[in-house]
C-alpha atoms as a PDB file:
ATOM      1  CA  MET A   1     -74.817 201.074 137.688  1.00  0.00           C
ATOM      2  CA  GLY A   2     -72.433 200.670 140.663  1.00  0.00           C
ATOM      3  CA  TYR A   3     -70.740 203.539 139.500  1.00  0.00           C
ATOM      4  CA  LYS A   4     -68.559 204.619 143.084  1.00  0.00           C
ATOM      5  CA  ARG A   5     -68.268 207.778 143.669  1.00  0.00           C
ATOM      6  CA  THR A   6     -65.123 207.791 146.192  1.00  0.00           C
ATOM      7  CA  GLY A   7     -62.711 209.833 144.129  1.00  0.00           C
ATOM      8  CA  LEU A   8     -65.096 212.657 144.213  1.00  0.00           C
ATOM      9  CA  MET A   9     -65.587 212.427 147.708  1.00  0.00           C
ATOM     10  CA  GLY A  10     -62.147 212.307 148.955  1.00  0.00           C
ATOM     11  CA  ILE A  11     -61.746 215.858 146.976  1.00  0.00           C
ATOM     12  CA  GLU A  12     -64.491 217.229 148.543  1.00  0.00           C
ATOM     13  CA  ALA A  13     -63.818 216.387 152.066  1.00  0.00           C
ATOM     14  CA  ALA A  14     -60.575 217.819 151.634  1.00  0.00           C
ATOM     15  CA  MET A  15     -62.330 220.933 149.946  1.00  0.00           C
ATOM     16  CA  GLU A  16     -64.081 220.963 153.065  1.00  0.00           C
ATOM     17  CA  ASN A  17     -60.933 220.651 155.574  1.00  0.00           C
ATOM     18  CA  GLY A  18     -59.442 223.394 153.604  1.00  0.00           C
ATOM     19  CA  LYS A  19     -56.497 221.527 152.397  1.00  0.00           C
ATOM     20  CA  GLY A  20     -57.159 220.766 149.524  1.00  0.00           C
ATOM     21  CA  TRP A  21     -57.590 224.110 148.183  1.00  0.00           C
ATOM     22  CA  SER A  22     -54.155 225.527 149.949  1.00  0.00           C
ATOM     23  CA  PHE A  23     -53.052 222.090 148.551  1.00  0.00           C
ATOM     24  CA  ASN A  24     -54.816 223.526 144.803  1.00  0.00           C
ATOM     25  CA  ARG A  25     -53.188 227.133 145.351  1.00  0.00           C
ATOM     26  CA  GLN A  26     -49.795 225.867 146.172  1.00  0.00           C
ATOM     27  CA  VAL A  27     -49.682 224.324 143.067  1.00  0.00           C
ATOM     28  CA  ASN A  28     -51.179 226.529 140.849  1.00  0.00           C
ATOM     29  CA  LEU A  29     -48.866 228.919 142.128  1.00  0.00           C
ATOM     30  CA  SER A  30     -45.479 226.253 141.163  1.00  0.00           C
ATOM     31  CA  VAL A  31     -47.047 225.611 138.433  1.00  0.00           C
ATOM     32  CA  LEU A  32     -47.557 229.772 137.345  1.00  0.00           C
ATOM     33  CA  ILE A  33     -43.738 230.239 138.701  1.00  0.00           C
ATOM     34  CA  GLN A  34     -42.506 227.172 136.338  1.00  0.00           C
ATOM     35  CA  LEU A  35     -44.407 228.712 133.478  1.00  0.00           C
ATOM     36  CA  ILE A  36     -42.933 232.255 134.152  1.00  0.00           C
ATOM     37  CA  PHE A  37     -39.587 230.510 134.324  1.00  0.00           C
ATOM     38  CA  LEU A  38     -39.485 228.553 131.293  1.00  0.00           C
ATOM     39  CA  ALA A  39     -40.959 231.747 129.241  1.00  0.00           C
ATOM     40  CA  SER A  40     -38.075 233.642 130.259  1.00  0.00           C
ATOM     41  CA  LEU A  41     -36.137 231.174 129.137  1.00  0.00           C
ATOM     42  CA  ILE A  42     -37.631 231.145 126.174  1.00  0.00           C
ATOM     43  CA  VAL A  43     -37.243 235.023 125.402  1.00  0.00           C
ATOM     44  CA  GLY A  44     -33.659 234.481 126.424  1.00  0.00           C
ATOM     45  CA  SER A  45     -32.647 231.619 124.114  1.00  0.00           C
ATOM     46  CA  TRP A  46     -34.533 234.124 121.487  1.00  0.00           C
ATOM     47  CA  VAL A  47     -32.750 236.920 122.356  1.00  0.00           C
ATOM     48  CA  ASN A  48     -29.428 235.230 122.088  1.00  0.00           C
ATOM     49  CA  LEU A  49     -29.868 232.975 118.651  1.00  0.00           C
ATOM     50  CA  GLN A  50     -31.129 236.466 117.373  1.00  0.00           C
ATOM     51  CA  ARG A  51     -27.795 238.004 118.912  1.00  0.00           C
ATOM     52  CA  GLN A  52     -25.848 235.241 117.433  1.00  0.00           C
ATOM     53  CA  LEU A  53     -27.453 235.402 113.905  1.00  0.00           C
ATOM     54  CA  ASP A  54     -26.541 239.189 113.634  1.00  0.00           C
ATOM     55  CA  LEU A  55     -23.158 237.870 114.676  1.00  0.00           C
ATOM     56  CA  LEU A  56     -23.133 235.581 111.799  1.00  0.00           C
ATOM     57  CA  GLN A  57     -24.459 237.984 109.118  1.00  0.00           C
ATOM     58  CA  HIS A  58     -21.856 240.705 110.516  1.00  0.00           C
ATOM     59  CA  ASP A  59     -18.795 238.074 109.959  1.00  0.00           C
ATOM     60  CA  VAL A  60     -20.546 237.289 106.394  1.00  0.00           C
ATOM     61  CA  THR A  61     -20.972 239.909 105.281  1.00  0.00           C
ATOM     62  CA  ILE A  62     -17.053 240.587 105.748  1.00  0.00           C
ATOM     63  CA  LEU A  63     -16.345 237.553 104.282  1.00  0.00           C
ATOM     64  CA  LEU A  64     -18.145 238.850 101.442  1.00  0.00           C
ATOM     65  CA  GLU A  65     -16.420 241.578 101.285  1.00  0.00           C
ATOM     66  CA  THR A  66     -12.462 240.100 101.694  1.00  0.00           C
ATOM     67  CA  GLN A  67     -13.767 237.811  98.639  1.00  0.00           C
ATOM     68  CA  LYS A  68     -14.506 240.514  96.154  1.00  0.00           C
ATOM     69  CA  ASN A  69     -11.183 242.372  97.368  1.00  0.00           C
ATOM     70  CA  SER A  70      -9.434 238.819  96.540  1.00  0.00           C
ATOM     71  CA  GLU A  71     -11.175 238.592  92.936  1.00  0.00           C
ATOM     72  CA  GLN A  72     -10.686 242.151  92.086  1.00  0.00           C
ATOM     73  CA  LYS A  73      -6.670 241.609  93.430  1.00  0.00           C
ATOM     74  CA  LEU A  74      -6.972 238.224  90.861  1.00  0.00           C
ATOM     75  CA  GLU A  75      -7.668 239.812  88.109  1.00  0.00           C
ATOM     76  CA  SER A  76      -5.366 242.869  88.375  1.00  0.00           C
ATOM     77  CA  LEU A  77      -2.876 239.951  89.070  1.00  0.00           C
ATOM     78  CA  SER A  78      -4.456 237.831  86.185  1.00  0.00           C
ATOM     79  CA  ALA A  79      -3.803 241.184  83.685  1.00  0.00           C
ATOM     80  CA  LYS A  80      -0.645 241.951  84.570  1.00  0.00           C
ATOM     81  CA  ALA A  81       0.608 238.438  84.088  1.00  0.00           C
ATOM     82  CA  ILE A  82      -0.428 238.249  81.028  1.00  0.00           C
ATOM     83  CA  GLY A  83       1.291 241.975  80.308  1.00  0.00           C
ATOM     84  CA  TYR A  84       3.811 239.979  81.531  1.00  0.00           C
ATOM     85  CA  GLU A  85       3.888 237.178  78.942  1.00  0.00           C
ATOM     86  CA  TYR A  86       3.341 239.474  76.400  1.00  0.00           C
ATOM     87  CA  ARG A  87       7.091 241.154  76.964  1.00  0.00           C
ATOM     88  CA  LEU A  88       8.402 238.102  77.431  1.00  0.00           C
ATOM     89  CA  GLN A  89       7.536 236.393  74.299  1.00  0.00           C
ATOM     90  CA  ALA A  90       8.212 240.094  72.678  1.00  0.00           C
ATOM     91  CA  LEU A  91      11.741 240.009  73.893  1.00  0.00           C
ATOM     92  CA  GLU A  92      12.706 236.600  73.115  1.00  0.00           C
ATOM     93  CA  ARG A  93      11.501 237.432  69.328  1.00  0.00           C
ATOM     94  CA  SER A  94      13.582 240.156  69.285  1.00  0.00           C
ATOM     95  CA  LEU A  95      16.255 238.191  70.574  1.00  0.00           C
ATOM     96  CA  THR A  96      16.018 235.031  68.328  1.00  0.00           C
ATOM     97  CA  LYS A  97      16.028 237.604  65.402  1.00  0.00           C
ATOM     98  CA  PRO A  98      19.159 237.784  62.889  1.00  0.00           C
ATOM     99  CA  PRO A  99      20.855 241.111  63.696  1.00  0.00           C
ATOM    100  CA  ILE A 100      20.098 243.119  60.788  1.00  0.00           C
ATOM    101  CA  VAL A 101      23.212 243.995  59.021  1.00  0.00           C
ATOM    102  CA  GLU A 102      23.048 247.086  56.548  1.00  0.00           C
END
């Protein structure tokens, strides 16, 4: 039951002097400024991340288009290679056949 209120008494005394209120107001203003600064940093970071994501999406879109074009060119080259292979086989067969004498 020997509860001491020295802490409260000190705060009450400081409030009566007027120094406590100005100190609390300065702390509150400082905390408010820090919170605003932190919020602006968060918003700025979020905006920067959105910009980076947009750039990444643009790069991925271009990469996919380039991949599609490369696949089409590869298919075209593959079809040409098969055609040339058949021509080469036909030439080899015609050169290895004995000539027909009439």
